[in-house]
Every structure is written in structure tokens, then in C-alpha cells.
C-alpha atoms as a PDB file:
ATOM      1  CA  UNK A   1     120.036 118.916  62.023  1.00  0.00           C
ATOM      2  CA  UNK A   2     118.572 118.046  58.401  1.00  0.00           C
ATOM      3  CA  UNK A   3     115.166 119.592  57.929  1.00  0.00           C
ATOM      4  CA  UNK A   4     112.370 117.075  57.439  1.00  0.00           C
ATOM      5  CA  UNK A   5     111.278 116.802  53.792  1.00  0.00           C
ATOM      6  CA  UNK A   6     107.726 118.525  52.919  1.00  0.00           C
ATOM      7  CA  UNK A   7     105.440 119.384  50.102  1.00  0.00           C
ATOM      8  CA  UNK A   8     102.540 122.177  50.321  1.00  0.00           C
ATOM      9  CA  UNK A   9      99.438 122.044  48.603  1.00  0.00           C
ATOM     10  CA  UNK A  10      99.684 121.513  44.780  1.00  0.00           C
ATOM     11  CA  UNK A  11      97.051 121.711  42.236  1.00  0.00           C
ATOM     12  CA  UNK A  12      97.147 118.547  40.075  1.00  0.00           C
ATOM     13  CA  UNK A  13      98.618 120.527  37.138  1.00  0.00           C
ATOM     14  CA  UNK A  14     101.719 121.934  39.235  1.00  0.00           C
ATOM     15  CA  UNK A  15     105.098 120.921  38.560  1.00  0.00           C
ATOM     16  CA  UNK A  16     106.948 121.981  41.501  1.00  0.00           C
ATOM     17  CA  UNK A  17     109.315 119.813  43.525  1.00  0.00           C
ATOM     18  CA  UNK A  18     110.835 120.112  47.041  1.00  0.00           C
ATOM     19  CA  UNK A  19     113.886 119.692  49.104  1.00  0.00           C
ATOM     20  CA  UNK A  20     115.927 116.164  48.629  1.00  0.00           C
ATOM     21  CA  UNK A  21     118.322 114.793  51.145  1.00  0.00           C
ATOM     22  CA  UNK A  22     121.142 115.483  48.835  1.00  0.00           C
ATOM     23  CA  UNK A  23     120.381 119.301  48.861  1.00  0.00           C
ATOM     24  CA  UNK A  24     119.406 120.089  52.557  1.00  0.00           C
ATOM     25  CA  UNK A  25     117.762 123.347  52.625  1.00  0.00           C
ATOM     26  CA  UNK A  26     114.898 125.234  53.988  1.00  0.00           C
ATOM     27  CA  UNK A  27     113.958 126.522  50.530  1.00  0.00           C
ATOM     28  CA  UNK A  28     111.924 124.622  47.841  1.00  0.00           C
ATOM     29  CA  UNK A  29     113.823 123.801  44.463  1.00  0.00           C
ATOM     30  CA  UNK A  30     112.729 122.655  41.232  1.00  0.00           C
ATOM     31  CA  UNK A  31     114.002 119.166  39.893  1.00  0.00           C
ATOM     32  CA  UNK A  32     115.301 120.006  36.039  1.00  0.00           C
ATOM     33  CA  UNK A  33     112.789 118.908  33.374  1.00  0.00           C
ATOM     34  CA  UNK A  34     114.226 115.607  32.277  1.00  0.00           C
ATOM     35  CA  UNK A  35     114.901 114.665  28.571  1.00  0.00           C
ATOM     36  CA  UNK A  36     112.771 111.888  27.270  1.00  0.00           C
ATOM     37  CA  UNK A  37     114.367 108.799  26.371  1.00  0.00           C
ATOM     38  CA  UNK A  38     113.168 105.629  24.495  1.00  0.00           C
ATOM     39  CA  UNK A  39     111.337 102.822  26.800  1.00  0.00           C
ATOM     40  CA  UNK A  40     111.235  99.243  25.541  1.00  0.00           C
ATOM     41  CA  UNK A  41     107.990  98.975  27.611  1.00  0.00           C
ATOM     42  CA  UNK A  42     106.220 101.309  25.489  1.00  0.00           C
ATOM     43  CA  UNK A  43     104.365 100.313  22.140  1.00  0.00           C
ATOM     44  CA  UNK A  44     105.327 102.147  18.982  1.00  0.00           C
ATOM     45  CA  UNK A  45     103.708 105.294  18.570  1.00  0.00           C
ATOM     46  CA  UNK A  46     102.487 105.368  22.078  1.00  0.00           C
ATOM     47  CA  UNK A  47     102.883 108.870  24.061  1.00  0.00           C
ATOM     48  CA  UNK A  48     104.122 108.495  27.751  1.00  0.00           C
ATOM     49  CA  UNK A  49     102.363 111.301  29.791  1.00  0.00           C
ATOM     50  CA  UNK A  50     104.640 111.554  32.871  1.00  0.00           C
ATOM     51  CA  UNK A  51     103.263 112.073  35.990  1.00  0.00           C
ATOM     52  CA  UNK A  52     104.230 115.409  37.902  1.00  0.00           C
ATOM     53  CA  UNK A  53     107.239 114.916  40.461  1.00  0.00           C
ATOM     54  CA  UNK A  54     106.038 116.135  43.751  1.00  0.00           C
ATOM     55  CA  UNK A  55     109.329 115.145  45.533  1.00  0.00           C
ATOM     56  CA  UNK A  56     112.351 113.118  45.323  1.00  0.00           C
ATOM     57  CA  UNK A  57     115.560 112.436  47.182  1.00  0.00           C
ATOM     58  CA  UNK A  58     118.245 109.586  46.945  1.00  0.00           C
ATOM     59  CA  UNK A  59     115.946 106.709  48.155  1.00  0.00           C
ATOM     60  CA  UNK A  60     112.242 107.579  46.957  1.00  0.00           C
ATOM     61  CA  UNK A  61     110.447 109.527  44.386  1.00  0.00           C
ATOM     62  CA  UNK A  62     106.884 110.755  45.082  1.00  0.00           C
ATOM     63  CA  UNK A  63     104.451 111.645  42.015  1.00  0.00           C
ATOM     64  CA  UNK A  64     100.845 112.941  41.270  1.00  0.00           C
ATOM     65  CA  UNK A  65      99.326 110.240  39.459  1.00  0.00           C
ATOM     66  CA  UNK A  66      96.616 111.171  37.139  1.00  0.00           C
ATOM     67  CA  UNK A  67      93.292 109.589  37.021  1.00  0.00           C
ATOM     68  CA  UNK A  68      92.583 107.254  34.425  1.00  0.00           C
ATOM     69  CA  UNK A  69      96.131 105.961  33.876  1.00  0.00           C
ATOM     70  CA  UNK A  70      96.561 102.603  34.980  1.00  0.00           C
ATOM     71  CA  UNK A  71      99.786 101.692  37.062  1.00  0.00           C
ATOM     72  CA  UNK A  72     101.260  99.119  34.277  1.00  0.00           C
ATOM     73  CA  UNK A  73     100.780  99.856  30.624  1.00  0.00           C
ATOM     74  CA  UNK A  74      97.561  98.457  28.961  1.00  0.00           C
ATOM     75  CA  UNK A  75      96.387 100.396  25.889  1.00  0.00           C
ATOM     76  CA  UNK A  76      98.612 103.338  26.846  1.00  0.00           C
ATOM     77  CA  UNK A  77     101.681 103.725  28.869  1.00  0.00           C
ATOM     78  CA  UNK A  78     101.006 103.189  32.393  1.00  0.00           C
ATOM     79  CA  UNK A  79     102.122 105.427  35.399  1.00  0.00           C
ATOM     80  CA  UNK A  80     105.370 103.552  35.751  1.00  0.00           C
ATOM     81  CA  UNK A  81     106.270 103.289  32.331  1.00  0.00           C
ATOM     82  CA  UNK A  82     105.561 106.799  31.839  1.00  0.00           C
ATOM     83  CA  UNK A  83     107.804 108.054  34.811  1.00  0.00           C
ATOM     84  CA  UNK A  84     110.763 105.788  33.443  1.00  0.00           C
ATOM     85  CA  UNK A  85     110.521 107.265  29.909  1.00  0.00           C
ATOM     86  CA  UNK A  86     110.445 110.789  31.152  1.00  0.00           C
ATOM     87  CA  UNK A  87     113.927 110.335  33.022  1.00  0.00           C
ATOM     88  CA  UNK A  88     117.290 110.491  31.465  1.00  0.00           C
ATOM     89  CA  UNK A  89     119.006 107.719  33.571  1.00  0.00           C
ATOM     90  CA  UNK A  90     118.643 104.390  31.406  1.00  0.00           C
ATOM     91  CA  UNK A  91     120.008 102.511  34.228  1.00  0.00           C
ATOM     92  CA  UNK A  92     118.035 103.925  36.814  1.00  0.00           C
ATOM     93  CA  UNK A  93     115.333 101.233  38.550  1.00  0.00           C
ATOM     94  CA  UNK A  94     112.169 102.193  40.109  1.00  0.00           C
ATOM     95  CA  UNK A  95     110.382 100.124  42.513  1.00  0.00           C
ATOM     96  CA  UNK A  96     106.860  99.909  43.404  1.00  0.00           C
ATOM     97  CA  UNK A  97     105.957  99.899  46.833  1.00  0.00           C
ATOM     98  CA  UNK A  98     102.014 100.595  46.773  1.00  0.00           C
ATOM     99  CA  UNK A  99      99.556 101.226  44.059  1.00  0.00           C
ATOM    100  CA  UNK A 100      96.340 103.290  43.079  1.00  0.00           C
ATOM    101  CA  UNK A 101      93.511 102.096  41.217  1.00  0.00           C
ATOM    102  CA  UNK A 102      93.487 103.376  37.776  1.00  0.00           C
ATOM    103  CA  UNK A 103      90.797 105.949  38.294  1.00  0.00           C
ATOM    104  CA  UNK A 104      92.451 107.282  41.431  1.00  0.00           C
ATOM    105  CA  UNK A 105      94.412 110.162  41.041  1.00  0.00           C
ATOM    106  CA  UNK A 106      97.114 111.794  43.597  1.00  0.00           C
ATOM    107  CA  UNK A 107     100.104 110.717  45.710  1.00  0.00           C
ATOM    108  CA  UNK A 108     102.296 107.718  44.403  1.00  0.00           C
ATOM    109  CA  UNK A 109     105.669 106.461  46.048  1.00  0.00           C
ATOM    110  CA  UNK A 110     108.148 104.784  44.292  1.00  0.00           C
ATOM    111  CA  UNK A 111     111.629 103.706  45.739  1.00  0.00           C
ATOM    112  CA  UNK A 112     114.891 104.219  43.724  1.00  0.00           C
ATOM    113  CA  UNK A 113     116.959 101.418  45.409  1.00  0.00           C
ATOM    114  CA  UNK A 114     116.471  97.953  46.512  1.00  0.00           C
ATOM    115  CA  UNK A 115     117.114  99.066  50.518  1.00  0.00           C
ATOM    116  CA  UNK A 116     114.541 101.970  50.391  1.00  0.00           C
ATOM    117  CA  UNK A 117     111.933  99.399  48.710  1.00  0.00           C
ATOM    118  CA  UNK A 118     112.224  96.920  51.667  1.00  0.00           C
ATOM    119  CA  UNK A 119     112.134  99.706  53.884  1.00  0.00           C
ATOM    120  CA  UNK A 120     109.243 101.337  52.636  1.00  0.00           C
ATOM    121  CA  UNK A 121     107.426  97.948  51.835  1.00  0.00           C
ATOM    122  CA  UNK A 122     108.070  97.036  55.540  1.00  0.00           C
ATOM    123  CA  UNK A 123     106.725 100.299  56.667  1.00  0.00           C
ATOM    124  CA  UNK A 124     103.408 100.065  54.618  1.00  0.00           C
ATOM    125  CA  UNK A 125     103.087  96.753  55.957  1.00  0.00           C
ATOM    126  CA  UNK A 126     103.610  97.668  59.818  1.00  0.00           C
ATOM    127  CA  UNK A 127     101.312 100.546  59.073  1.00  0.00           C
ATOM    128  CA  UNK A 128     104.065 103.129  59.957  1.00  0.00           C
ATOM    129  CA  UNK A 129     103.121 105.280  56.769  1.00  0.00           C
ATOM    130  CA  UNK A 130      99.964 107.284  57.064  1.00  0.00           C
ATOM    131  CA  UNK A 131      97.618 108.057  54.029  1.00  0.00           C
ATOM    132  CA  UNK A 132      94.549 110.226  53.425  1.00  0.00           C
ATOM    133  CA  UNK A 133      92.471 110.298  50.538  1.00  0.00           C
ATOM    134  CA  UNK A 134      89.343 112.488  49.606  1.00  0.00           C
ATOM    135  CA  UNK A 135      86.402 111.399  47.416  1.00  0.00           C
ATOM    136  CA  UNK A 136      83.301 113.069  46.636  1.00  0.00           C
ATOM    137  CA  UNK A 137      79.622 111.248  46.675  1.00  0.00           C
ATOM    138  CA  UNK A 138      76.366 112.708  45.166  1.00  0.00           C
ATOM    139  CA  UNK A 139      74.638 111.197  48.058  1.00  0.00           C
ATOM    140  CA  UNK A 140      74.153 111.494  51.593  1.00  0.00           C
ATOM    141  CA  UNK A 141      76.224 108.615  53.741  1.00  0.00           C
ATOM    142  CA  UNK A 142      74.323 106.571  56.310  1.00  0.00           C
ATOM    143  CA  UNK A 143      76.679 108.125  58.659  1.00  0.00           C
ATOM    144  CA  UNK A 144      78.643 111.160  58.992  1.00  0.00           C
ATOM    145  CA  UNK A 145      81.743 109.572  60.400  1.00  0.00           C
ATOM    146  CA  UNK A 146      83.113 106.288  61.749  1.00  0.00           C
ATOM    147  CA  UNK A 147      84.950 103.133  60.890  1.00  0.00           C
ATOM    148  CA  UNK A 148      83.994 100.860  58.056  1.00  0.00           C
ATOM    149  CA  UNK A 149      85.270  97.246  58.815  1.00  0.00           C
ATOM    150  CA  UNK A 150      84.926  93.795  57.314  1.00  0.00           C
ATOM    151  CA  UNK A 151      86.426  91.077  55.441  1.00  0.00           C
ATOM    152  CA  UNK A 152      86.389  91.786  51.627  1.00  0.00           C
ATOM    153  CA  UNK A 153      85.442  89.214  49.090  1.00  0.00           C
ATOM    154  CA  UNK A 154      85.595  89.455  45.185  1.00  0.00           C
ATOM    155  CA  UNK A 155      82.343  89.365  43.518  1.00  0.00           C
ATOM    156  CA  UNK A 156      81.065  89.581  39.786  1.00  0.00           C
ATOM    157  CA  UNK A 157      81.876  92.177  37.349  1.00  0.00           C
ATOM    158  CA  UNK A 158      85.083  93.144  38.831  1.00  0.00           C
ATOM    159  CA  UNK A 159      83.330  94.172  42.141  1.00  0.00           C
ATOM    160  CA  UNK A 160      84.520  93.343  45.681  1.00  0.00           C
ATOM    161  CA  UNK A 161      81.891  92.753  48.483  1.00  0.00           C
ATOM    162  CA  UNK A 162      82.211  93.868  52.140  1.00  0.00           C
ATOM    163  CA  UNK A 163      81.290  91.199  54.573  1.00  0.00           C
ATOM    164  CA  UNK A 164      80.136  91.254  58.269  1.00  0.00           C
ATOM    165  CA  UNK A 165      82.976  88.582  59.299  1.00  0.00           C
ATOM    166  CA  UNK A 166      86.263  89.826  60.597  1.00  0.00           C
ATOM    167  CA  UNK A 167      88.758  87.121  60.133  1.00  0.00           C
ATOM    168  CA  UNK A 168      91.261  89.502  57.931  1.00  0.00           C
ATOM    169  CA  UNK A 169      89.066  92.745  57.924  1.00  0.00           C
ATOM    170  CA  UNK A 170      89.714  95.833  55.894  1.00  0.00           C
ATOM    171  CA  UNK A 171      89.370  99.089  57.753  1.00  0.00           C
ATOM    172  CA  UNK A 172      88.943 102.549  56.936  1.00  0.00           C
ATOM    173  CA  UNK A 173      88.336 105.521  59.235  1.00  0.00           C
ATOM    174  CA  UNK A 174      86.134 108.254  57.790  1.00  0.00           C
ATOM    175  CA  UNK A 175      84.841 111.744  57.973  1.00  0.00           C
ATOM    176  CA  UNK A 176      82.133 113.316  55.741  1.00  0.00           C
ATOM    177  CA  UNK A 177      80.599 117.012  55.191  1.00  0.00           C
ATOM    178  CA  UNK A 178      78.864 118.875  52.893  1.00  0.00           C
ATOM    179  CA  UNK A 179      80.481 120.526  49.995  1.00  0.00           C
ATOM    180  CA  UNK A 180      80.085 122.807  46.852  1.00  0.00           C
ATOM    181  CA  UNK A 181      77.944 121.657  44.181  1.00  0.00           C
ATOM    182  CA  UNK A 182      79.456 120.717  40.564  1.00  0.00           C
ATOM    183  CA  UNK A 183      79.169 122.297  37.402  1.00  0.00           C
ATOM    184  CA  UNK A 184      76.524 119.788  36.605  1.00  0.00           C
ATOM    185  CA  UNK A 185      74.290 121.092  38.995  1.00  0.00           C
ATOM    186  CA  UNK A 186      74.119 118.215  41.149  1.00  0.00           C
ATOM    187  CA  UNK A 187      73.135 119.790  44.997  1.00  0.00           C
ATOM    188  CA  UNK A 188      73.858 117.681  48.170  1.00  0.00           C
ATOM    189  CA  UNK A 189      77.329 116.660  47.243  1.00  0.00           C
ATOM    190  CA  UNK A 190      79.414 115.235  50.183  1.00  0.00           C
ATOM    191  CA  UNK A 191      83.221 114.956  50.478  1.00  0.00           C
ATOM    192  CA  UNK A 192      84.620 112.098  52.300  1.00  0.00           C
ATOM    193  CA  UNK A 193      88.043 112.130  54.051  1.00  0.00           C
ATOM    194  CA  UNK A 194      89.354 108.674  54.131  1.00  0.00           C
ATOM    195  CA  UNK A 195      92.262 107.294  56.406  1.00  0.00           C
ATOM    196  CA  UNK A 196      92.791 103.511  55.481  1.00  0.00           C
ATOM    197  CA  UNK A 197      94.062 101.490  57.984  1.00  0.00           C
ATOM    198  CA  UNK A 198      94.776  98.466  55.766  1.00  0.00           C
ATOM    199  CA  UNK A 199      95.250  98.633  52.034  1.00  0.00           C
ATOM    200  CA  UNK A 200      93.028  96.072  50.017  1.00  0.00           C
ATOM    201  CA  UNK A 201      91.953  96.362  46.462  1.00  0.00           C
ATOM    202  CA  UNK A 202      88.921  99.019  45.750  1.00  0.00           C
ATOM    203  CA  UNK A 203      88.667  99.347  49.564  1.00  0.00           C
ATOM    204  CA  UNK A 204      87.726 103.034  49.863  1.00  0.00           C
ATOM    205  CA  UNK A 205      85.248 102.663  47.079  1.00  0.00           C
ATOM    206  CA  UNK A 206      83.496  99.536  48.695  1.00  0.00           C
ATOM    207  CA  UNK A 207      83.428 101.616  52.016  1.00  0.00           C
ATOM    208  CA  UNK A 208      81.431 104.204  50.171  1.00  0.00           C
ATOM    209  CA  UNK A 209      79.035 102.051  48.612  1.00  0.00           C
ATOM    210  CA  UNK A 210      78.526 100.254  52.082  1.00  0.00           C
ATOM    211  CA  UNK A 211      77.449 103.462  53.571  1.00  0.00           C
ATOM    212  CA  UNK A 212      74.834 104.115  50.448  1.00  0.00           C
ATOM    213  CA  UNK A 213      77.047 106.886  48.936  1.00  0.00           C
ATOM    214  CA  UNK A 214      79.085 105.372  46.145  1.00  0.00           C
ATOM    215  CA  UNK A 215      81.860 107.658  44.809  1.00  0.00           C
ATOM    216  CA  UNK A 216      81.048 109.969  41.802  1.00  0.00           C
ATOM    217  CA  UNK A 217      82.413 108.538  38.655  1.00  0.00           C
ATOM    218  CA  UNK A 218      82.338 104.910  40.039  1.00  0.00           C
ATOM    219  CA  UNK A 219      80.523 103.053  37.854  1.00  0.00           C
ATOM    220  CA  UNK A 220      81.534  99.597  39.144  1.00  0.00           C
ATOM    221  CA  UNK A 221      79.814 100.678  42.278  1.00  0.00           C
ATOM    222  CA  UNK A 222      76.681 102.748  41.065  1.00  0.00           C
ATOM    223  CA  UNK A 223      78.146 106.015  41.338  1.00  0.00           C
ATOM    224  CA  UNK A 224      76.844 109.087  39.545  1.00  0.00           C
ATOM    225  CA  UNK A 225      78.260 109.015  36.019  1.00  0.00           C
ATOM    226  CA  UNK A 226      81.409 111.357  35.501  1.00  0.00           C
ATOM    227  CA  UNK A 227      84.420 111.343  33.303  1.00  0.00           C
ATOM    228  CA  UNK A 228      86.602 110.645  36.093  1.00  0.00           C
ATOM    229  CA  UNK A 229      86.410 108.697  39.442  1.00  0.00           C
ATOM    230  CA  UNK A 230      86.482 111.170  42.359  1.00  0.00           C
ATOM    231  CA  UNK A 231      88.894 109.570  44.646  1.00  0.00           C
ATOM    232  CA  UNK A 232      92.364 111.215  45.078  1.00  0.00           C
ATOM    233  CA  UNK A 233      95.309 110.338  47.436  1.00  0.00           C
ATOM    234  CA  UNK A 234      95.764 113.698  48.916  1.00  0.00           C
ATOM    235  CA  UNK A 235      98.428 113.169  51.476  1.00  0.00           C
ATOM    236  CA  UNK A 236     101.113 110.869  53.002  1.00  0.00           C
ATOM    237  CA  UNK A 237     103.287 110.736  56.006  1.00  0.00           C
ATOM    238  CA  UNK A 238     106.409 108.723  55.866  1.00  0.00           C
ATOM    239  CA  UNK A 239     108.671 108.798  58.965  1.00  0.00           C
ATOM    240  CA  UNK A 240     112.323 108.439  59.006  1.00  0.00           C
ATOM    241  CA  UNK A 241     113.154 104.966  57.931  1.00  0.00           C
ATOM    242  CA  UNK A 242     117.041 105.306  57.935  1.00  0.00           C
ATOM    243  CA  UNK A 243     117.577 106.847  54.508  1.00  0.00           C
ATOM    244  CA  UNK A 244     116.630 110.609  54.847  1.00  0.00           C
ATOM    245  CA  UNK A 245     114.340 112.612  57.082  1.00  0.00           C
ATOM    246  CA  UNK A 246     110.631 112.389  57.343  1.00  0.00           C
ATOM    247  CA  UNK A 247     108.537 113.103  54.062  1.00  0.00           C
ATOM    248  CA  UNK A 248     105.346 114.735  54.356  1.00  0.00           C
ATOM    249  CA  UNK A 249     103.376 115.075  51.091  1.00  0.00           C
ATOM    250  CA  UNK A 250     100.075 117.381  50.599  1.00  0.00           C
ATOM    251  CA  UNK A 251      98.532 117.076  47.257  1.00  0.00           C
ATOM    252  CA  UNK A 252      95.519 119.143  46.125  1.00  0.00           C
ATOM    253  CA  UNK A 253      93.130 117.322  43.609  1.00  0.00           C
ATOM    254  CA  UNK A 254      91.613 120.736  42.665  1.00  0.00           C
ATOM    255  CA  UNK A 255      91.986 121.486  38.837  1.00  0.00           C
ATOM    256  CA  UNK A 256      90.380 124.023  36.493  1.00  0.00           C
ATOM    257  CA  UNK A 257      88.656 121.270  34.651  1.00  0.00           C
ATOM    258  CA  UNK A 258      87.142 119.083  37.727  1.00  0.00           C
ATOM    259  CA  UNK A 259      84.325 119.598  40.233  1.00  0.00           C
ATOM    260  CA  UNK A 260      86.481 119.656  43.554  1.00  0.00           C
ATOM    261  CA  UNK A 261      85.649 121.991  46.367  1.00  0.00           C
ATOM    262  CA  UNK A 262      88.883 123.937  46.952  1.00  0.00           C
ATOM    263  CA  UNK A 263      87.463 125.481  50.039  1.00  0.00           C
ATOM    264  CA  UNK A 264      86.588 122.481  51.679  1.00  0.00           C
ATOM    265  CA  UNK A 265      89.885 120.649  50.881  1.00  0.00           C
ATOM    266  CA  UNK A 266      91.806 123.596  52.281  1.00  0.00           C
ATOM    267  CA  UNK A 267      89.682 123.622  55.372  1.00  0.00           C
ATOM    268  CA  UNK A 268      91.116 119.982  56.282  1.00  0.00           C
ATOM    269  CA  UNK A 269      94.471 120.245  54.537  1.00  0.00           C
ATOM    270  CA  UNK A 270      95.818 123.986  54.917  1.00  0.00           C
ATOM    271  CA  UNK A 271      99.347 124.638  53.540  1.00  0.00           C
ATOM    272  CA  UNK A 272     100.846 124.754  56.852  1.00  0.00           C
ATOM    273  CA  UNK A 273      99.820 121.249  57.659  1.00  0.00           C
ATOM    274  CA  UNK A 274     102.518 119.731  55.695  1.00  0.00           C
ATOM    275  CA  UNK A 275     105.258 121.490  57.856  1.00  0.00           C
ATOM    276  CA  UNK A 276     103.551 119.912  61.028  1.00  0.00           C
ATOM    277  CA  UNK A 277     105.688 117.073  62.196  1.00  0.00           C
ATOM    278  CA  UNK A 278     103.713 116.444  65.297  1.00  0.00           C
ATOM    279  CA  UNK A 279      99.943 115.048  65.503  1.00  0.00           C
ATOM    280  CA  UNK A 280      97.573 115.823  62.418  1.00  0.00           C
ATOM    281  CA  UNK A 281      94.022 116.023  63.414  1.00  0.00           C
ATOM    282  CA  UNK A 282      94.244 116.133  67.007  1.00  0.00           C
ATOM    283  CA  UNK A 283      90.655 117.254  67.486  1.00  0.00           C
ATOM    284  CA  UNK A 284      89.355 114.489  65.055  1.00  0.00           C
ATOM    285  CA  UNK A 285      90.071 111.172  66.714  1.00  0.00           C
ATOM    286  CA  UNK A 286      89.267 109.099  63.406  1.00  0.00           C
ATOM    287  CA  UNK A 287      91.750 110.999  61.486  1.00  0.00           C
ATOM    288  CA  UNK A 288      94.563 111.578  64.038  1.00  0.00           C
ATOM    289  CA  UNK A 289      97.892 110.551  63.287  1.00  0.00           C
ATOM    290  CA  UNK A 290     101.481 110.913  64.166  1.00  0.00           C
ATOM    291  CA  UNK A 291     105.120 110.041  62.889  1.00  0.00           C
ATOM    292  CA  UNK A 292     106.209 107.166  64.380  1.00  0.00           C
ATOM    293  CA  UNK A 293     108.758 104.428  63.552  1.00  0.00           C
ATOM    294  CA  UNK A 294     107.510 101.968  66.137  1.00  0.00           C
END
């Protein structure tokens, strides 16, 4: 029986990769560094900084998107264009199946075939794929844990509002706890673990704002000023969708030049969690998840 694909904790600057379907093995392997190629989508003179590949098989590729990079190209190459430009197959097609805000870093999945794109998109829609995010705020939230639920409505200055109505609501489960102070000396920081049930624009940022604890670096919603938005897609669980074994990725946000609390992150996302194909967070009902295709 082929071993399920997995990834361990990775710093955002790491460039390790993991077993692919075509190379079934209990050991990890590194995908060779690829030759850059020309890409018509990139403006003349622009430089594409390719995201780090966390995992790849014949059907999909998972990368670590950097904070501050748009999904599509704007004033600089976006994540998709940068990834394409770094790969040596000019005939390769990559299909987007979900997205991250410009300021959000972390796990981002692309399909490599139409069939995989269809299967992944349906799995996201049916909520078969589980995602976890971490965020940091300089303020204590109104509640330490719970569920933020409500309809969302576009507002002014690119903001979104959380409404009390529940006609087609967004839903976010969360847990928060104290974490280490940053290099800016701000004490009383709180780390969030978010488990979004739905996937709406700015959903997690609006959830934090509604709790009175806008995320650090989120100027749109009144968060403490910083050079980056402290929101990171930390983990994803993709069940067997018919094109390979389950894929589980845990991606640490911790890097040398940013104020993430590595000990707090490791407490909830230890390395061995990536190899657990049963229930995650069994003692935390709000965060609990399991791999399922139903």
C-alpha cells in the first residue's frame, strides 16, 4: 500500500520537498532546482521570486506563498506567474483551486491537470479539505475561543463587514492564547489558530476584527502597524481524491526576520502531527478534524 504523502514543519525560507506519488518511498526527497524560463506574463525587467515548493506529485503542487506577493501579477510577478517562470516545462499548465490574500503567507495548492483541478475544487466546495491558519494580534480578543459566524458584506475602503444575519454565513472556528512579545517590545500578544469552515474574502481578518483583536500588520482593519500581515496558512489536509494518497502539509511561519513565536506554534503543530492520518486536535473540539471523502 502506498504511503500517504506528508510534510513536516518547514521554516518559510526552507526549500525541502516530499514524497511524490510517482516516487513512493518512506524517505523524503528534494525536487531538483529548476531552470528559469521566459514567461510572457512577466513585464520586461521584472524579477520573479518563485515560492518554495513544499510538495509535488503528478496531480498537484503545494507551495509556501510569501507575504506581500499577490496571487496575480500586479506591479511585480504574482505567485502563479513566479511559479510558472521557475519551472522548465513550457507546456505545463497550472490551475488555481484556492487563493490567499496578498498579505497572507503559507500553504497554497495548484492543480497540474484539469481532472485534479476539478476534484480539488469540488473537495474545497464540499469542505473535505481542512485548512488551519495562525495569526497574531497585539490585543486580547473578547473571547479566547469559539466560533465567529455571520453573513459578510463589502464595505468602504476595501473592507468587509460581518453581519448578524445568517442567510449565507461565513464560519470560522478559533482558539487563542498568549505568545511571546515581539522585537518591537509590544507585550500581551495573542496567537490565534483559525479553522475556517467557509472561504470568504478577508474572512479571518474580519473575524479577528470582530473579536476586537485585529491582526498585527492589518492596516485595513486597524491592526498594529508592521511590515507584514501576521496571518499564515499553516496546515492543510487533503484526502485521497482519486489521484494519489492523502496529502498533509504543515508549514511553519517562523523565519529569522519576523516576530512569530516558534514555541507556541510547535506546541500546536508539532512535527509528528504531519504523520498523523487520524484525528487532529482530538482534545480541542473547535479545531478537531479527520480525513474523509464523504
